[in-house]
Amino acid sequence: MKEARSEDEEREDGGRNTWKRQLLREKQVEEDGATDVQEGNRCSRKGEERRAEERRTLSVQEEEEEEGRKKDKMTDRKMKKRRG
């Protein structure tokens, strides 16, 4: 398949036959399965999902640490009462 011409080449010929180039691009997209934009969006979504999962993991860890600190405080208070 003929490669799509650069924007400079398109400007030089005054935009003639742009519809042919557009058809070639669309056909190439169908053959490839995705455009660069679609591929970028797909990667972006994966990154967002990964970051969301990391945030969920961190929030769970923070909750567990907070519970651990509360338990430590409670046991410290009980130990002080027994001593004092």
PDB file of N, CA and C in Angstrom:
ATOM      1  N   MET A   1       0.843  -1.179   0.000  1.00  0.00           N
ATOM      2  CA  MET A   1       0.000   0.000   0.000  1.00  0.00           C
ATOM      3  C   MET A   1       0.887   1.241   0.000  1.00  0.00           C
ATOM      4  N   LYS A   2       0.420   2.232  -0.682  1.00  0.00           N
ATOM      5  CA  LYS A   2       1.165   3.487  -0.777  1.00  0.00           C
ATOM      6  C   LYS A   2       1.113   4.204   0.562  1.00  0.00           C
ATOM      7  N   GLU A   3       2.260   4.706   1.005  1.00  0.00           N
ATOM      8  CA  GLU A   3       2.321   5.433   2.271  1.00  0.00           C
ATOM      9  C   GLU A   3       1.606   6.767   2.147  1.00  0.00           C
ATOM     10  N   ALA A   4       1.000   7.189   3.228  1.00  0.00           N
ATOM     11  CA  ALA A   4       0.346   8.498   3.240  1.00  0.00           C
ATOM     12  C   ALA A   4       1.407   9.582   3.117  1.00  0.00           C
ATOM     13  N   ARG A   5       1.079  10.602   2.380  1.00  0.00           N
ATOM     14  CA  ARG A   5       2.043  11.684   2.168  1.00  0.00           C
ATOM     15  C   ARG A   5       2.088  12.584   3.385  1.00  0.00           C
ATOM     16  N   SER A   6       3.216  13.233   3.548  1.00  0.00           N
ATOM     17  CA  SER A   6       3.369  14.139   4.679  1.00  0.00           C
ATOM     18  C   SER A   6       2.527  15.387   4.461  1.00  0.00           C
ATOM     19  N   GLU A   7       2.320  16.137   5.528  1.00  0.00           N
ATOM     20  CA  GLU A   7       1.537  17.365   5.442  1.00  0.00           C
ATOM     21  C   GLU A   7       2.209  18.375   4.522  1.00  0.00           C
ATOM     22  N   ASP A   8       3.540  18.414   4.519  1.00  0.00           N
ATOM     23  CA  ASP A   8       4.263  19.335   3.633  1.00  0.00           C
ATOM     24  C   ASP A   8       3.966  19.019   2.169  1.00  0.00           C
ATOM     25  N   GLU A   9       3.983  17.742   1.833  1.00  0.00           N
ATOM     26  CA  GLU A   9       3.694  17.347   0.457  1.00  0.00           C
ATOM     27  C   GLU A   9       2.259  17.704   0.079  1.00  0.00           C
ATOM     28  N   GLU A  10       1.341  17.550   1.025  1.00  0.00           N
ATOM     29  CA  GLU A  10      -0.051  17.896   0.755  1.00  0.00           C
ATOM     30  C   GLU A  10      -0.194  19.387   0.508  1.00  0.00           C
ATOM     31  N   ARG A  11       0.518  20.205   1.274  1.00  0.00           N
ATOM     32  CA  ARG A  11       0.451  21.652   1.094  1.00  0.00           C
ATOM     33  C   ARG A  11       1.026  22.064  -0.259  1.00  0.00           C
ATOM     34  N   GLU A  12       2.093  21.375  -0.672  1.00  0.00           N
ATOM     35  CA  GLU A  12       2.740  21.717  -1.938  1.00  0.00           C
ATOM     36  C   GLU A  12       1.810  21.530  -3.128  1.00  0.00           C
ATOM     37  N   ASP A  13       1.009  20.473  -3.116  1.00  0.00           N
ATOM     38  CA  ASP A  13       0.131  20.242  -4.271  1.00  0.00           C
ATOM     39  C   ASP A  13      -1.225  20.926  -4.106  1.00  0.00           C
ATOM     40  N   GLY A  14      -1.361  21.750  -3.097  1.00  0.00           N
ATOM     41  CA  GLY A  14      -2.588  22.517  -2.919  1.00  0.00           C
ATOM     42  C   GLY A  14      -3.748  21.687  -2.408  1.00  0.00           C
ATOM     43  N   GLY A  15      -3.473  20.524  -1.859  1.00  0.00           N
ATOM     44  CA  GLY A  15      -4.525  19.696  -1.289  1.00  0.00           C
ATOM     45  C   GLY A  15      -5.276  18.867  -2.314  1.00  0.00           C
ATOM     46  N   ARG A  16      -4.756  18.786  -3.537  1.00  0.00           N
ATOM     47  CA  ARG A  16      -5.421  17.954  -4.550  1.00  0.00           C
ATOM     48  C   ARG A  16      -5.348  16.495  -4.131  1.00  0.00           C
ATOM     49  N   ASN A  17      -6.370  15.780  -4.476  1.00  0.00           N
ATOM     50  CA  ASN A  17      -6.445  14.336  -4.225  1.00  0.00           C
ATOM     51  C   ASN A  17      -6.402  13.992  -2.735  1.00  0.00           C
ATOM     52  N   THR A  18      -6.810  14.919  -1.898  1.00  0.00           N
ATOM     53  CA  THR A  18      -6.813  14.613  -0.465  1.00  0.00           C
ATOM     54  C   THR A  18      -7.825  13.524  -0.150  1.00  0.00           C
ATOM     55  N   TRP A  19      -8.898  13.453  -0.898  1.00  0.00           N
ATOM     56  CA  TRP A  19      -9.906  12.424  -0.644  1.00  0.00           C
ATOM     57  C   TRP A  19      -9.320  11.039  -0.893  1.00  0.00           C
ATOM     58  N   LYS A  20      -8.419  10.924  -1.884  1.00  0.00           N
ATOM     59  CA  LYS A  20      -7.777   9.635  -2.143  1.00  0.00           C
ATOM     60  C   LYS A  20      -6.881   9.243  -0.969  1.00  0.00           C
ATOM     61  N   ARG A  21      -6.124  10.227  -0.481  1.00  0.00           N
ATOM     62  CA  ARG A  21      -5.241   9.941   0.656  1.00  0.00           C
ATOM     63  C   ARG A  21      -6.056   9.580   1.894  1.00  0.00           C
ATOM     64  N   GLN A  22      -7.188  10.270   2.073  1.00  0.00           N
ATOM     65  CA  GLN A  22      -8.046   9.969   3.218  1.00  0.00           C
ATOM     66  C   GLN A  22      -8.568   8.536   3.120  1.00  0.00           C
ATOM     67  N   LEU A  23      -8.974   8.121   1.931  1.00  0.00           N
ATOM     68  CA  LEU A  23      -9.438   6.745   1.752  1.00  0.00           C
ATOM     69  C   LEU A  23      -8.322   5.750   2.051  1.00  0.00           C
ATOM     70  N   LEU A  24      -7.108   6.067   1.598  1.00  0.00           N
ATOM     71  CA  LEU A  24      -5.969   5.190   1.883  1.00  0.00           C
ATOM     72  C   LEU A  24      -5.725   5.093   3.388  1.00  0.00           C
ATOM     73  N   ARG A  25      -5.813   6.225   4.079  1.00  0.00           N
ATOM     74  CA  ARG A  25      -5.617   6.226   5.536  1.00  0.00           C
ATOM     75  C   ARG A  25      -6.683   5.385   6.227  1.00  0.00           C
ATOM     76  N   GLU A  26      -7.941   5.573   5.812  1.00  0.00           N
ATOM     77  CA  GLU A  26      -9.031   4.812   6.429  1.00  0.00           C
ATOM     78  C   GLU A  26      -8.853   3.320   6.192  1.00  0.00           C
ATOM     79  N   LYS A  27      -8.428   2.963   4.977  1.00  0.00           N
ATOM     80  CA  LYS A  27      -8.192   1.555   4.678  1.00  0.00           C
ATOM     81  C   LYS A  27      -7.059   1.015   5.552  1.00  0.00           C
ATOM     82  N   GLN A  28      -6.011   1.807   5.717  1.00  0.00           N
ATOM     83  CA  GLN A  28      -4.884   1.395   6.559  1.00  0.00           C
ATOM     84  C   GLN A  28      -5.336   1.209   8.004  1.00  0.00           C
ATOM     85  N   VAL A  29      -6.202   2.098   8.479  1.00  0.00           N
ATOM     86  CA  VAL A  29      -6.716   1.994   9.842  1.00  0.00           C
ATOM     87  C   VAL A  29      -7.479   0.693  10.001  1.00  0.00           C
ATOM     88  N   GLU A  30      -8.308   0.365   9.014  1.00  0.00           N
ATOM     89  CA  GLU A  30      -9.070  -0.881   9.080  1.00  0.00           C
ATOM     90  C   GLU A  30      -8.140  -2.083   9.114  1.00  0.00           C
ATOM     91  N   GLU A  31      -7.076  -2.043   8.327  1.00  0.00           N
ATOM     92  CA  GLU A  31      -6.124  -3.148   8.296  1.00  0.00           C
ATOM     93  C   GLU A  31      -5.342  -3.246   9.601  1.00  0.00           C
ATOM     94  N   ASP A  32      -4.935  -2.113  10.138  1.00  0.00           N
ATOM     95  CA  ASP A  32      -4.144  -2.102  11.368  1.00  0.00           C
ATOM     96  C   ASP A  32      -4.995  -2.401  12.586  1.00  0.00           C
ATOM     97  N   GLY A  33      -6.254  -2.049  12.536  1.00  0.00           N
ATOM     98  CA  GLY A  33      -7.139  -2.307  13.663  1.00  0.00           C
ATOM     99  C   GLY A  33      -7.284  -1.131  14.597  1.00  0.00           C
ATOM    100  N   ALA A  34      -6.398  -0.171  14.536  1.00  0.00           N
ATOM    101  CA  ALA A  34      -6.504   0.984  15.436  1.00  0.00           C
ATOM    102  C   ALA A  34      -5.616   2.106  14.929  1.00  0.00           C
ATOM    103  N   THR A  35      -6.033   3.310  15.195  1.00  0.00           N
ATOM    104  CA  THR A  35      -5.188   4.457  14.868  1.00  0.00           C
ATOM    105  C   THR A  35      -4.261   4.722  16.040  1.00  0.00           C
ATOM    106  N   ASP A  36      -3.303   5.583  15.832  1.00  0.00           N
ATOM    107  CA  ASP A  36      -2.405   5.956  16.918  1.00  0.00           C
ATOM    108  C   ASP A  36      -3.186   6.571  18.064  1.00  0.00           C
ATOM    109  N   VAL A  37      -4.194   7.366  17.725  1.00  0.00           N
ATOM    110  CA  VAL A  37      -5.004   8.015  18.757  1.00  0.00           C
ATOM    111  C   VAL A  37      -5.743   6.966  19.573  1.00  0.00           C
ATOM    112  N   GLN A  38      -6.352   6.009  18.880  1.00  0.00           N
ATOM    113  CA  GLN A  38      -7.069   4.958  19.597  1.00  0.00           C
ATOM    114  C   GLN A  38      -6.113   4.153  20.466  1.00  0.00           C
ATOM    115  N   GLU A  39      -4.951   3.848  19.939  1.00  0.00           N
ATOM    116  CA  GLU A  39      -3.957   3.094  20.707  1.00  0.00           C
ATOM    117  C   GLU A  39      -3.512   3.897  21.916  1.00  0.00           C
ATOM    118  N   GLY A  40      -3.305   5.192  21.719  1.00  0.00           N
ATOM    119  CA  GLY A  40      -2.920   6.055  22.835  1.00  0.00           C
ATOM    120  C   GLY A  40      -4.001   6.110  23.891  1.00  0.00           C
ATOM    121  N   ASN A  41      -5.251   6.195  23.462  1.00  0.00           N
ATOM    122  CA  ASN A  41      -6.357   6.215  24.418  1.00  0.00           C
ATOM    123  C   ASN A  41      -6.430   4.908  25.186  1.00  0.00           C
ATOM    124  N   ARG A  42      -6.198   3.802  24.490  1.00  0.00           N
ATOM    125  CA  ARG A  42      -6.239   2.499  25.146  1.00  0.00           C
ATOM    126  C   ARG A  42      -5.145   2.423  26.208  1.00  0.00           C
ATOM    127  N   CYS A  43      -3.947   2.879  25.866  1.00  0.00           N
ATOM    128  CA  CYS A  43      -2.840   2.876  26.823  1.00  0.00           C
ATOM    129  C   CYS A  43      -3.135   3.814  27.985  1.00  0.00           C
ATOM    130  N   SER A  44      -3.745   4.939  27.678  1.00  0.00           N
ATOM    131  CA  SER A  44      -4.083   5.910  28.712  1.00  0.00           C
ATOM    132  C   SER A  44      -5.075   5.307  29.701  1.00  0.00           C
ATOM    133  N   ARG A  45      -6.082   4.605  29.178  1.00  0.00           N
ATOM    134  CA  ARG A  45      -7.068   3.968  30.064  1.00  0.00           C
ATOM    135  C   ARG A  45      -6.406   2.921  30.945  1.00  0.00           C
ATOM    136  N   LYS A  46      -5.499   2.147  30.372  1.00  0.00           N
ATOM    137  CA  LYS A  46      -4.797   1.139  31.166  1.00  0.00           C
ATOM    138  C   LYS A  46      -4.008   1.806  32.283  1.00  0.00           C
ATOM    139  N   GLY A  47      -3.357   2.915  31.964  1.00  0.00           N
ATOM    140  CA  GLY A  47      -2.594   3.649  32.976  1.00  0.00           C
ATOM    141  C   GLY A  47      -3.494   4.192  34.066  1.00  0.00           C
ATOM    142  N   GLU A  48      -4.656   4.731  33.675  1.00  0.00           N
ATOM    143  CA  GLU A  48      -5.597   5.251  34.662  1.00  0.00           C
ATOM    144  C   GLU A  48      -6.103   4.131  35.558  1.00  0.00           C
ATOM    145  N   GLU A  49      -6.408   2.975  34.958  1.00  0.00           N
ATOM    146  CA  GLU A  49      -6.878   1.838  35.749  1.00  0.00           C
ATOM    147  C   GLU A  49      -5.802   1.383  36.731  1.00  0.00           C
ATOM    148  N   ARG A  50      -4.558   1.354  36.264  1.00  0.00           N
ATOM    149  CA  ARG A  50      -3.457   0.935  37.130  1.00  0.00           C
ATOM    150  C   ARG A  50      -3.287   1.909  38.296  1.00  0.00           C
ATOM    151  N   ARG A  51      -3.350   3.222  38.008  1.00  0.00           N
ATOM    152  CA  ARG A  51      -3.213   4.221  39.070  1.00  0.00           C
ATOM    153  C   ARG A  51      -4.375   4.139  40.056  1.00  0.00           C
ATOM    154  N   ALA A  52      -5.583   3.885  39.551  1.00  0.00           N
ATOM    155  CA  ALA A  52      -6.738   3.750  40.436  1.00  0.00           C
ATOM    156  C   ALA A  52      -6.558   2.537  41.346  1.00  0.00           C
ATOM    157  N   GLU A  53      -6.059   1.451  40.795  1.00  0.00           N
ATOM    158  CA  GLU A  53      -5.812   0.253  41.598  1.00  0.00           C
ATOM    159  C   GLU A  53      -4.744   0.529  42.656  1.00  0.00           C
ATOM    160  N   GLU A  54      -3.704   1.269  42.291  1.00  0.00           N
ATOM    161  CA  GLU A  54      -2.661   1.618  43.258  1.00  0.00           C
ATOM    162  C   GLU A  54      -3.234   2.475  44.380  1.00  0.00           C
ATOM    163  N   ARG A  55      -4.118   3.414  44.028  1.00  0.00           N
ATOM    164  CA  ARG A  55      -4.738   4.259  45.058  1.00  0.00           C
ATOM    165  C   ARG A  55      -5.590   3.416  46.000  1.00  0.00           C
ATOM    166  N   ARG A  56      -6.347   2.458  45.426  1.00  0.00           N
ATOM    167  CA  ARG A  56      -7.172   1.585  46.277  1.00  0.00           C
ATOM    168  C   ARG A  56      -6.286   0.768  47.210  1.00  0.00           C
ATOM    169  N   THR A  57      -5.191   0.241  46.668  1.00  0.00           N
ATOM    170  CA  THR A  57      -4.272  -0.558  47.473  1.00  0.00           C
ATOM    171  C   THR A  57      -3.678   0.288  48.589  1.00  0.00           C
ATOM    172  N   LEU A  58      -3.263   1.507  48.256  1.00  0.00           N
ATOM    173  CA  LEU A  58      -2.684   2.388  49.266  1.00  0.00           C
ATOM    174  C   LEU A  58      -3.709   2.745  50.333  1.00  0.00           C
ATOM    175  N   SER A  59      -4.946   3.016  49.936  1.00  0.00           N
ATOM    176  CA  SER A  59      -5.954   3.390  50.925  1.00  0.00           C
ATOM    177  C   SER A  59      -6.248   2.221  51.856  1.00  0.00           C
ATOM    178  N   VAL A  60      -6.251   1.000  51.338  1.00  0.00           N
ATOM    179  CA  VAL A  60      -6.463  -0.173  52.188  1.00  0.00           C
ATOM    180  C   VAL A  60      -5.300  -0.318  53.160  1.00  0.00           C
ATOM    181  N   GLN A  61      -4.080  -0.130  52.674  1.00  0.00           N
ATOM    182  CA  GLN A  61      -2.908  -0.223  53.543  1.00  0.00           C
ATOM    183  C   GLN A  61      -2.955   0.848  54.620  1.00  0.00           C
ATOM    184  N   GLU A  62      -3.354   2.071  54.247  1.00  0.00           N
ATOM    185  CA  GLU A  62      -3.441   3.152  55.224  1.00  0.00           C
ATOM    186  C   GLU A  62      -4.492   2.843  56.283  1.00  0.00           C
ATOM    187  N   GLU A  63      -5.625   2.274  55.865  1.00  0.00           N
ATOM    188  CA  GLU A  63      -6.667   1.905  56.825  1.00  0.00           C
ATOM    189  C   GLU A  63      -6.151   0.847  57.794  1.00  0.00           C
ATOM    190  N   GLU A  64      -5.435  -0.144  57.264  1.00  0.00           N
ATOM    191  CA  GLU A  64      -4.892  -1.194  58.123  1.00  0.00           C
ATOM    192  C   GLU A  64      -3.878  -0.625  59.108  1.00  0.00           C
ATOM    193  N   GLU A  65      -3.043   0.304  58.636  1.00  0.00           N
ATOM    194  CA  GLU A  65      -2.062   0.925  59.528  1.00  0.00           C
ATOM    195  C   GLU A  65      -2.762   1.739  60.609  1.00  0.00           C
ATOM    196  N   GLU A  66      -3.816   2.450  60.234  1.00  0.00           N
ATOM    197  CA  GLU A  66      -4.574   3.253  61.198  1.00  0.00           C
ATOM    198  C   GLU A  66      -5.207   2.347  62.253  1.00  0.00           C
ATOM    199  N   GLU A  67      -5.776   1.222  61.820  1.00  0.00           N
ATOM    200  CA  GLU A  67      -6.357   0.277  62.773  1.00  0.00           C
ATOM    201  C   GLU A  67      -5.282  -0.267  63.701  1.00  0.00           C
ATOM    202  N   GLY A  68      -4.109  -0.544  63.151  1.00  0.00           N
ATOM    203  CA  GLY A  68      -3.005  -1.042  63.964  1.00  0.00           C
ATOM    204  C   GLY A  68      -2.580  -0.030  65.009  1.00  0.00           C
ATOM    205  N   ARG A  69      -2.533   1.249  64.643  1.00  0.00           N
ATOM    206  CA  ARG A  69      -2.170   2.294  65.603  1.00  0.00           C
ATOM    207  C   ARG A  69      -3.225   2.415  66.697  1.00  0.00           C
ATOM    208  N   LYS A  70      -4.498   2.315  66.318  1.00  0.00           N
ATOM    209  CA  LYS A  70      -5.567   2.400  67.317  1.00  0.00           C
ATOM    210  C   LYS A  70      -5.458   1.246  68.313  1.00  0.00           C
ATOM    211  N   LYS A  71      -5.177   0.053  67.801  1.00  0.00           N
ATOM    212  CA  LYS A  71      -5.036  -1.106  68.682  1.00  0.00           C
ATOM    213  C   LYS A  71      -3.836  -0.935  69.606  1.00  0.00           C
ATOM    214  N   ASP A  72      -2.739  -0.405  69.074  1.00  0.00           N
ATOM    215  CA  ASP A  72      -1.553  -0.164  69.892  1.00  0.00           C
ATOM    216  C   ASP A  72      -1.862   0.821  71.011  1.00  0.00           C
ATOM    217  N   LYS A  73      -2.608   1.883  70.703  1.00  0.00           N
ATOM    218  CA  LYS A  73      -2.971   2.868  71.719  1.00  0.00           C
ATOM    219  C   LYS A  73      -3.831   2.228  72.798  1.00  0.00           C
ATOM    220  N   MET A  74      -4.774   1.388  72.372  1.00  0.00           N
ATOM    221  CA  MET A  74      -5.655   0.740  73.343  1.00  0.00           C
ATOM    222  C   MET A  74      -4.858  -0.180  74.260  1.00  0.00           C
ATOM    223  N   THR A  75      -3.929  -0.945  73.688  1.00  0.00           N
ATOM    224  CA  THR A  75      -3.143  -1.847  74.526  1.00  0.00           C
ATOM    225  C   THR A  75      -2.220  -1.054  75.445  1.00  0.00           C
ATOM    226  N   ASP A  76      -1.681   0.072  74.970  1.00  0.00           N
ATOM    227  CA  ASP A  76      -0.844   0.922  75.821  1.00  0.00           C
ATOM    228  C   ASP A  76      -1.653   1.442  77.007  1.00  0.00           C
ATOM    229  N   ARG A  77      -2.878   1.867  76.771  1.00  0.00           N
ATOM    230  CA  ARG A  77      -3.728   2.377  77.849  1.00  0.00           C
ATOM    231  C   ARG A  77      -4.033   1.282  78.867  1.00  0.00           C
ATOM    232  N   LYS A  78      -4.303   0.081  78.371  1.00  0.00           N
ATOM    233  CA  LYS A  78      -4.598  -1.030  79.275  1.00  0.00           C
ATOM    234  C   LYS A  78      -3.383  -1.364  80.133  1.00  0.00           C
ATOM    235  N   MET A  79      -2.206  -1.342  79.514  1.00  0.00           N
ATOM    236  CA  MET A  79      -0.980  -1.646  80.256  1.00  0.00           C
ATOM    237  C   MET A  79      -0.728  -0.582  81.324  1.00  0.00           C
ATOM    238  N   LYS A  80      -0.987   0.691  81.010  1.00  0.00           N
ATOM    239  CA  LYS A  80      -0.789   1.762  81.981  1.00  0.00           C
ATOM    240  C   LYS A  80      -1.751   1.607  83.149  1.00  0.00           C
ATOM    241  N   LYS A  81      -2.991   1.221  82.866  1.00  0.00           N
ATOM    242  CA  LYS A  81      -3.981   1.046  83.931  1.00  0.00           C
ATOM    243  C   LYS A  81      -3.563  -0.088  84.859  1.00  0.00           C
ATOM    244  N   ARG A  82      -3.028  -1.153  84.296  1.00  0.00           N
ATOM    245  CA  ARG A  82      -2.607  -2.290  85.107  1.00  0.00           C
ATOM    246  C   ARG A  82      -1.419  -1.918  85.989  1.00  0.00           C
ATOM    247  N   ARG A  83      -0.507  -1.118  85.462  1.00  0.00           N
ATOM    248  CA  ARG A  83       0.671  -0.713  86.218  1.00  0.00           C
ATOM    249  C   ARG A  83       0.311   0.316  87.279  1.00  0.00           C
ATOM    250  N   GLY A  84      -0.558   1.256  86.902  1.00  0.00           N
ATOM    251  CA  GLY A  84      -0.800   2.415  87.751  1.00  0.00           C
ATOM    252  C   GLY A  84      -1.920   2.218  88.651  1.00  0.00           C
TER     253      GLY A  84
END
